[in-house]
Amino acid sequence: MKHQTLAPALDQKVSEILDSVRSVFVERGFDGASMQDLARGAKMSAGNFYRYFGSKAALVAAMVERDLETVRLEFKTIIASPNPRAALLETLERRLTGDHPSHQDPLWSEIEATAARRPEIGALLHSMELEVVGYLIEVMGRIANTTNEDATRRFSSHAGLLLMLVRGASLQFCGNTSPAMNLDPQKTTKLALRMADVILSDVADGASVQNLPKV
């Protein structure tokens, strides 16, 4: 599968800058944080900061690419596993608990909110989601013991639904759910993982959306 690169390879200095501006984005929001604010957060002059990033969108692109690098390594391990279904479920559990770097990260909640207002950010997230769905389809092909082409035809909806499920469950850790919902994070995580297992059971059974019973 061919993977799209959203930003140049990140060197150590760029990674340090990304780490230092996270709190600025979270505190002030994408629209509220100026490039000067971000430069101060990185303890750099504005001129030097612009040498690395010419816009806030470029910063977000680098953040997306860095997270994708982690995702790529995770899926490489999952796909190579003798039991990709179990490996995927274990990875999802880490993503939904405190055992993963993305846990309780309000930055992604802010980026997703910005994507609804800024087409350039929306396009970045869309590209990221397409790549993740592609990986999920590849894993599902391994689970169903079929080709990637056949898995794409049969399991694209399964992969999209699984991504939506995990994203939705992750929102609870960022304080991005209505208080009226009164969600219990531990119970929500367990339920999300159970539903993920149901989706993967469907894949293992070789079901397609066209063959599912009507409700």
C-alpha atoms as a PDB file:
ATOM      1  CA  MET A   1       0.000   0.000   0.000  1.00  0.00           C
ATOM      2  CA  LYS A   2       1.334   3.426  -0.905  1.00  0.00           C
ATOM      3  CA  HIS A   3       1.365   5.913   1.966  1.00  0.00           C
ATOM      4  CA  GLN A   4       1.064   9.664   1.587  1.00  0.00           C
ATOM      5  CA  THR A   5       3.571  11.930   3.299  1.00  0.00           C
ATOM      6  CA  LEU A   6       1.996  15.079   4.699  1.00  0.00           C
ATOM      7  CA  ALA A   7       5.158  16.869   5.785  1.00  0.00           C
ATOM      8  CA  PRO A   8       8.954  16.543   5.465  1.00  0.00           C
ATOM      9  CA  ALA A   9      10.799  14.150   7.763  1.00  0.00           C
ATOM     10  CA  LEU A  10      11.019  15.616  11.237  1.00  0.00           C
ATOM     11  CA  ASP A  11      14.405  16.297  12.758  1.00  0.00           C
ATOM     12  CA  GLN A  12      15.122  16.698  16.475  1.00  0.00           C
ATOM     13  CA  LYS A  13      14.779  20.492  16.465  1.00  0.00           C
ATOM     14  CA  VAL A  14      11.402  20.379  14.771  1.00  0.00           C
ATOM     15  CA  SER A  15      10.217  17.793  17.308  1.00  0.00           C
ATOM     16  CA  GLU A  16      11.352  20.051  20.149  1.00  0.00           C
ATOM     17  CA  ILE A  17       9.419  22.969  18.655  1.00  0.00           C
ATOM     18  CA  LEU A  18       6.285  20.864  18.288  1.00  0.00           C
ATOM     19  CA  ASP A  19       6.518  19.769  21.907  1.00  0.00           C
ATOM     20  CA  SER A  20       6.966  23.335  23.113  1.00  0.00           C
ATOM     21  CA  VAL A  21       3.996  24.859  21.233  1.00  0.00           C
ATOM     22  CA  ARG A  22       1.428  22.223  22.200  1.00  0.00           C
ATOM     23  CA  SER A  23       0.397  24.028  25.366  1.00  0.00           C
ATOM     24  CA  VAL A  24       0.029  27.318  23.456  1.00  0.00           C
ATOM     25  CA  PHE A  25      -2.381  25.744  20.973  1.00  0.00           C
ATOM     26  CA  VAL A  26      -4.347  24.066  23.764  1.00  0.00           C
ATOM     27  CA  GLU A  27      -4.533  27.202  25.911  1.00  0.00           C
ATOM     28  CA  ARG A  28      -5.285  29.761  23.198  1.00  0.00           C
ATOM     29  CA  GLY A  29      -6.813  27.624  20.455  1.00  0.00           C
ATOM     30  CA  PHE A  30      -5.781  27.525  16.814  1.00  0.00           C
ATOM     31  CA  ASP A  31      -7.374  30.871  15.972  1.00  0.00           C
ATOM     32  CA  GLY A  32      -6.313  32.598  19.207  1.00  0.00           C
ATOM     33  CA  ALA A  33      -2.646  31.583  19.086  1.00  0.00           C
ATOM     34  CA  SER A  34      -0.575  33.955  16.963  1.00  0.00           C
ATOM     35  CA  MET A  35       2.712  32.987  15.357  1.00  0.00           C
ATOM     36  CA  GLN A  36       4.374  35.351  17.871  1.00  0.00           C
ATOM     37  CA  ASP A  37       2.710  33.452  20.738  1.00  0.00           C
ATOM     38  CA  LEU A  38       3.937  30.182  19.304  1.00  0.00           C
ATOM     39  CA  ALA A  39       7.470  31.535  18.822  1.00  0.00           C
ATOM     40  CA  ARG A  40       7.544  32.662  22.462  1.00  0.00           C
ATOM     41  CA  GLY A  41       6.285  29.233  23.512  1.00  0.00           C
ATOM     42  CA  ALA A  42       9.214  27.715  21.633  1.00  0.00           C
ATOM     43  CA  LYS A  43      11.577  30.283  23.189  1.00  0.00           C
ATOM     44  CA  MET A  44      12.604  31.506  19.756  1.00  0.00           C
ATOM     45  CA  SER A  45      12.560  34.795  17.930  1.00  0.00           C
ATOM     46  CA  ALA A  46       9.713  35.193  15.436  1.00  0.00           C
ATOM     47  CA  GLY A  47      12.197  35.371  12.553  1.00  0.00           C
ATOM     48  CA  ASN A  48      13.917  32.143  13.555  1.00  0.00           C
ATOM     49  CA  PHE A  49      10.575  30.442  14.182  1.00  0.00           C
ATOM     50  CA  TYR A  50       9.404  31.287  10.655  1.00  0.00           C
ATOM     51  CA  ARG A  51      12.483  29.518   9.286  1.00  0.00           C
ATOM     52  CA  TYR A  52      10.967  26.266  10.534  1.00  0.00           C
ATOM     53  CA  PHE A  53       7.260  26.945  10.101  1.00  0.00           C
ATOM     54  CA  GLY A  54       5.749  29.554   7.828  1.00  0.00           C
ATOM     55  CA  SER A  55       2.190  29.156   9.102  1.00  0.00           C
ATOM     56  CA  LYS A  56       0.045  27.536  11.776  1.00  0.00           C
ATOM     57  CA  ALA A  57      -1.216  25.096   9.153  1.00  0.00           C
ATOM     58  CA  ALA A  58       2.393  23.983   8.581  1.00  0.00           C
ATOM     59  CA  LEU A  59       2.706  23.342  12.307  1.00  0.00           C
ATOM     60  CA  VAL A  60      -0.426  21.211  12.318  1.00  0.00           C
ATOM     61  CA  ALA A  61       0.829  19.316   9.247  1.00  0.00           C
ATOM     62  CA  ALA A  62       4.022  18.468  11.144  1.00  0.00           C
ATOM     63  CA  MET A  63       2.000  17.344  14.174  1.00  0.00           C
ATOM     64  CA  VAL A  64      -0.158  15.144  11.978  1.00  0.00           C
ATOM     65  CA  GLU A  65       2.913  13.657  10.303  1.00  0.00           C
ATOM     66  CA  ARG A  66       4.569  12.943  13.635  1.00  0.00           C
ATOM     67  CA  ASP A  67       1.473  11.155  14.926  1.00  0.00           C
ATOM     68  CA  LEU A  68       1.266   9.241  11.650  1.00  0.00           C
ATOM     69  CA  GLU A  69       4.831   8.015  12.121  1.00  0.00           C
ATOM     70  CA  THR A  70       3.728   6.416  15.394  1.00  0.00           C
ATOM     71  CA  VAL A  71       0.625   4.976  13.699  1.00  0.00           C
ATOM     72  CA  ARG A  72       2.708   3.514  10.875  1.00  0.00           C
ATOM     73  CA  LEU A  73       5.022   1.741  13.312  1.00  0.00           C
ATOM     74  CA  GLU A  74       2.023   0.385  15.240  1.00  0.00           C
ATOM     75  CA  PHE A  75       0.356  -0.980  12.128  1.00  0.00           C
ATOM     76  CA  LYS A  76       3.620  -2.440  10.840  1.00  0.00           C
ATOM     77  CA  THR A  77       3.784  -4.469  14.057  1.00  0.00           C
ATOM     78  CA  ILE A  78       0.098  -5.424  13.851  1.00  0.00           C
ATOM     79  CA  ILE A  79       0.303  -6.572  10.219  1.00  0.00           C
ATOM     80  CA  ALA A  80       3.421  -8.656  10.946  1.00  0.00           C
ATOM     81  CA  SER A  81       1.806 -10.268  13.994  1.00  0.00           C
ATOM     82  CA  PRO A  82       0.742 -13.946  13.815  1.00  0.00           C
ATOM     83  CA  ASN A  83      -2.574 -12.784  15.343  1.00  0.00           C
ATOM     84  CA  PRO A  84      -3.365  -9.362  13.810  1.00  0.00           C
ATOM     85  CA  ARG A  85      -6.836  -9.255  15.326  1.00  0.00           C
ATOM     86  CA  ALA A  86      -5.517  -9.572  18.885  1.00  0.00           C
ATOM     87  CA  ALA A  87      -2.650  -7.174  18.125  1.00  0.00           C
ATOM     88  CA  LEU A  88      -5.059  -4.546  16.784  1.00  0.00           C
ATOM     89  CA  LEU A  89      -7.333  -4.841  19.814  1.00  0.00           C
ATOM     90  CA  GLU A  90      -4.336  -4.487  22.138  1.00  0.00           C
ATOM     91  CA  THR A  91      -3.226  -1.347  20.288  1.00  0.00           C
ATOM     92  CA  LEU A  92      -6.731   0.134  20.429  1.00  0.00           C
ATOM     93  CA  GLU A  93      -6.847  -0.535  24.160  1.00  0.00           C
ATOM     94  CA  ARG A  94      -3.563   1.328  24.644  1.00  0.00           C
ATOM     95  CA  ARG A  95      -4.941   4.208  22.583  1.00  0.00           C
ATOM     96  CA  LEU A  96      -8.016   4.403  24.811  1.00  0.00           C
ATOM     97  CA  THR A  97      -6.204   4.147  28.134  1.00  0.00           C
ATOM     98  CA  GLY A  98      -3.343   5.888  29.882  1.00  0.00           C
ATOM     99  CA  ASP A  99      -0.778   3.569  28.300  1.00  0.00           C
ATOM    100  CA  HIS A 100      -0.476   5.560  25.076  1.00  0.00           C
ATOM    101  CA  PRO A 101       1.053   9.043  24.413  1.00  0.00           C
ATOM    102  CA  SER A 102      -2.160  10.270  22.752  1.00  0.00           C
ATOM    103  CA  HIS A 103      -4.258   9.526  25.841  1.00  0.00           C
ATOM    104  CA  GLN A 104      -6.010  12.597  27.246  1.00  0.00           C
ATOM    105  CA  ASP A 105      -4.365  14.833  24.644  1.00  0.00           C
ATOM    106  CA  PRO A 106      -6.545  17.947  24.281  1.00  0.00           C
ATOM    107  CA  LEU A 107      -4.464  19.118  21.324  1.00  0.00           C
ATOM    108  CA  TRP A 108      -6.201  16.712  18.946  1.00  0.00           C
ATOM    109  CA  SER A 109      -9.582  17.834  20.193  1.00  0.00           C
ATOM    110  CA  GLU A 110      -8.602  21.411  19.308  1.00  0.00           C
ATOM    111  CA  ILE A 111      -7.266  20.389  15.894  1.00  0.00           C
ATOM    112  CA  GLU A 112     -10.469  18.493  15.084  1.00  0.00           C
ATOM    113  CA  ALA A 113     -12.583  21.490  16.111  1.00  0.00           C
ATOM    114  CA  THR A 114     -10.435  23.717  13.898  1.00  0.00           C
ATOM    115  CA  ALA A 115     -10.838  21.336  10.955  1.00  0.00           C
ATOM    116  CA  ALA A 116     -14.545  22.160  10.834  1.00  0.00           C
ATOM    117  CA  ARG A 117     -13.717  25.850  10.303  1.00  0.00           C
ATOM    118  CA  ARG A 118     -10.484  25.749   8.310  1.00  0.00           C
ATOM    119  CA  PRO A 119     -10.500  23.785   5.018  1.00  0.00           C
ATOM    120  CA  GLU A 120      -6.706  23.427   4.990  1.00  0.00           C
ATOM    121  CA  ILE A 121      -6.746  21.755   8.415  1.00  0.00           C
ATOM    122  CA  GLY A 122      -9.750  19.662   7.424  1.00  0.00           C
ATOM    123  CA  ALA A 123      -7.819  18.431   4.389  1.00  0.00           C
ATOM    124  CA  LEU A 124      -4.877  17.413   6.589  1.00  0.00           C
ATOM    125  CA  LEU A 125      -7.081  15.402   8.920  1.00  0.00           C
ATOM    126  CA  HIS A 126      -8.909  13.847   5.974  1.00  0.00           C
ATOM    127  CA  SER A 127      -5.597  12.666   4.519  1.00  0.00           C
ATOM    128  CA  MET A 128      -4.620  11.239   7.898  1.00  0.00           C
ATOM    129  CA  GLU A 129      -7.941   9.405   8.230  1.00  0.00           C
ATOM    130  CA  LEU A 130      -7.617   7.950   4.724  1.00  0.00           C
ATOM    131  CA  GLU A 131      -4.205   6.559   5.582  1.00  0.00           C
ATOM    132  CA  VAL A 132      -5.433   5.066   8.868  1.00  0.00           C
ATOM    133  CA  VAL A 133      -8.456   3.511   7.141  1.00  0.00           C
ATOM    134  CA  GLY A 134      -6.075   2.058   4.560  1.00  0.00           C
ATOM    135  CA  TYR A 135      -4.055   0.424   7.313  1.00  0.00           C
ATOM    136  CA  LEU A 136      -7.202  -0.918   8.985  1.00  0.00           C
ATOM    137  CA  ILE A 137      -8.332  -2.450   5.686  1.00  0.00           C
ATOM    138  CA  GLU A 138      -4.910  -4.060   5.298  1.00  0.00           C
ATOM    139  CA  VAL A 139      -5.191  -5.569   8.797  1.00  0.00           C
ATOM    140  CA  MET A 140      -8.728  -6.754   8.040  1.00  0.00           C
ATOM    141  CA  GLY A 141      -7.444  -8.418   4.889  1.00  0.00           C
ATOM    142  CA  ARG A 142      -4.947 -10.321   7.035  1.00  0.00           C
ATOM    143  CA  ILE A 143      -7.687 -11.300   9.483  1.00  0.00           C
ATOM    144  CA  ALA A 144      -9.967 -12.519   6.670  1.00  0.00           C
ATOM    145  CA  ASN A 145      -7.026 -14.109   4.808  1.00  0.00           C
ATOM    146  CA  THR A 146      -7.777 -12.262   1.595  1.00  0.00           C
ATOM    147  CA  THR A 147      -6.080  -9.801  -0.734  1.00  0.00           C
ATOM    148  CA  ASN A 148      -5.931  -6.094  -0.004  1.00  0.00           C
ATOM    149  CA  GLU A 149      -8.015  -5.427  -3.125  1.00  0.00           C
ATOM    150  CA  ASP A 150     -10.741  -7.780  -1.920  1.00  0.00           C
ATOM    151  CA  ALA A 151     -10.534  -6.389   1.619  1.00  0.00           C
ATOM    152  CA  THR A 152     -10.982  -2.857   0.264  1.00  0.00           C
ATOM    153  CA  ARG A 153     -14.126  -3.942  -1.564  1.00  0.00           C
ATOM    154  CA  ARG A 154     -15.579  -5.836   1.386  1.00  0.00           C
ATOM    155  CA  PHE A 155     -14.356  -4.056   4.513  1.00  0.00           C
ATOM    156  CA  SER A 156     -14.035  -0.331   3.782  1.00  0.00           C
ATOM    157  CA  SER A 157     -17.210   0.379   5.774  1.00  0.00           C
ATOM    158  CA  HIS A 158     -15.976  -1.793   8.643  1.00  0.00           C
ATOM    159  CA  ALA A 159     -12.697   0.142   8.740  1.00  0.00           C
ATOM    160  CA  GLY A 160     -14.448   3.527   8.605  1.00  0.00           C
ATOM    161  CA  LEU A 161     -16.834   2.547  11.387  1.00  0.00           C
ATOM    162  CA  LEU A 162     -13.979   1.286  13.564  1.00  0.00           C
ATOM    163  CA  LEU A 163     -12.127   4.572  13.129  1.00  0.00           C
ATOM    164  CA  MET A 164     -15.271   6.532  14.044  1.00  0.00           C
ATOM    165  CA  LEU A 165     -15.761   4.362  17.131  1.00  0.00           C
ATOM    166  CA  VAL A 166     -12.238   4.904  18.430  1.00  0.00           C
ATOM    167  CA  ARG A 167     -12.304   8.637  17.693  1.00  0.00           C
ATOM    168  CA  GLY A 168     -15.638   9.023  19.466  1.00  0.00           C
ATOM    169  CA  ALA A 169     -14.474   7.107  22.529  1.00  0.00           C
ATOM    170  CA  SER A 170     -11.288   9.209  22.645  1.00  0.00           C
ATOM    171  CA  LEU A 171     -13.278  12.438  22.948  1.00  0.00           C
ATOM    172  CA  GLN A 172     -14.249  11.593  26.534  1.00  0.00           C
ATOM    173  CA  PHE A 173     -10.614  11.956  27.607  1.00  0.00           C
ATOM    174  CA  CYS A 174     -10.375  15.445  26.139  1.00  0.00           C
ATOM    175  CA  GLY A 175     -13.438  16.812  27.933  1.00  0.00           C
ATOM    176  CA  ASN A 176     -15.188  17.112  24.584  1.00  0.00           C
ATOM    177  CA  THR A 177     -18.440  15.366  25.461  1.00  0.00           C
ATOM    178  CA  SER A 178     -21.590  16.925  26.848  1.00  0.00           C
ATOM    179  CA  PRO A 179     -21.885  16.774  30.669  1.00  0.00           C
ATOM    180  CA  ALA A 180     -25.460  15.628  30.128  1.00  0.00           C
ATOM    181  CA  MET A 181     -24.096  12.369  28.669  1.00  0.00           C
ATOM    182  CA  ASN A 182     -22.525  11.532  32.063  1.00  0.00           C
ATOM    183  CA  LEU A 183     -20.072   9.033  30.571  1.00  0.00           C
ATOM    184  CA  ASP A 184     -17.988   6.730  32.725  1.00  0.00           C
ATOM    185  CA  PRO A 185     -14.580   6.670  30.946  1.00  0.00           C
ATOM    186  CA  GLN A 186     -13.722   3.141  32.077  1.00  0.00           C
ATOM    187  CA  LYS A 187     -17.077   1.706  31.054  1.00  0.00           C
ATOM    188  CA  THR A 188     -17.049   3.631  27.783  1.00  0.00           C
ATOM    189  CA  THR A 189     -13.603   2.272  26.941  1.00  0.00           C
ATOM    190  CA  LYS A 190     -14.667  -1.310  27.673  1.00  0.00           C
ATOM    191  CA  LEU A 191     -17.807  -0.894  25.560  1.00  0.00           C
ATOM    192  CA  ALA A 192     -15.840   0.635  22.679  1.00  0.00           C
ATOM    193  CA  LEU A 193     -13.379  -2.264  22.729  1.00  0.00           C
ATOM    194  CA  ARG A 194     -16.241  -4.768  22.829  1.00  0.00           C
ATOM    195  CA  MET A 195     -17.822  -3.104  19.790  1.00  0.00           C
ATOM    196  CA  ALA A 196     -14.435  -3.096  18.027  1.00  0.00           C
ATOM    197  CA  ASP A 197     -14.215  -6.835  18.646  1.00  0.00           C
ATOM    198  CA  VAL A 198     -17.708  -7.285  17.168  1.00  0.00           C
ATOM    199  CA  ILE A 199     -16.601  -5.464  14.010  1.00  0.00           C
ATOM    200  CA  LEU A 200     -13.494  -7.638  13.749  1.00  0.00           C
ATOM    201  CA  SER A 201     -15.580 -10.769  14.358  1.00  0.00           C
ATOM    202  CA  ASP A 202     -17.671  -9.727  11.380  1.00  0.00           C
ATOM    203  CA  VAL A 203     -14.493  -9.406   9.334  1.00  0.00           C
ATOM    204  CA  ALA A 204     -13.197 -12.780  10.492  1.00  0.00           C
ATOM    205  CA  ASP A 205     -16.500 -14.349   9.476  1.00  0.00           C
ATOM    206  CA  GLY A 206     -16.047 -12.868   6.007  1.00  0.00           C
ATOM    207  CA  ALA A 207     -19.176 -10.718   6.114  1.00  0.00           C
ATOM    208  CA  SER A 208     -19.742  -7.787   3.803  1.00  0.00           C
ATOM    209  CA  VAL A 209     -22.112  -4.879   4.287  1.00  0.00           C
ATOM    210  CA  GLN A 210     -24.259  -6.150   1.420  1.00  0.00           C
ATOM    211  CA  ASN A 211     -24.736  -9.488   3.182  1.00  0.00           C
ATOM    212  CA  LEU A 212     -25.582  -8.147   6.634  1.00  0.00           C
ATOM    213  CA  PRO A 213     -29.156  -8.778   7.831  1.00  0.00           C
ATOM    214  CA  LYS A 214     -31.589  -5.907   7.409  1.00  0.00           C
ATOM    215  CA  VAL A 215     -32.869  -4.222  10.553  1.00  0.00           C
END
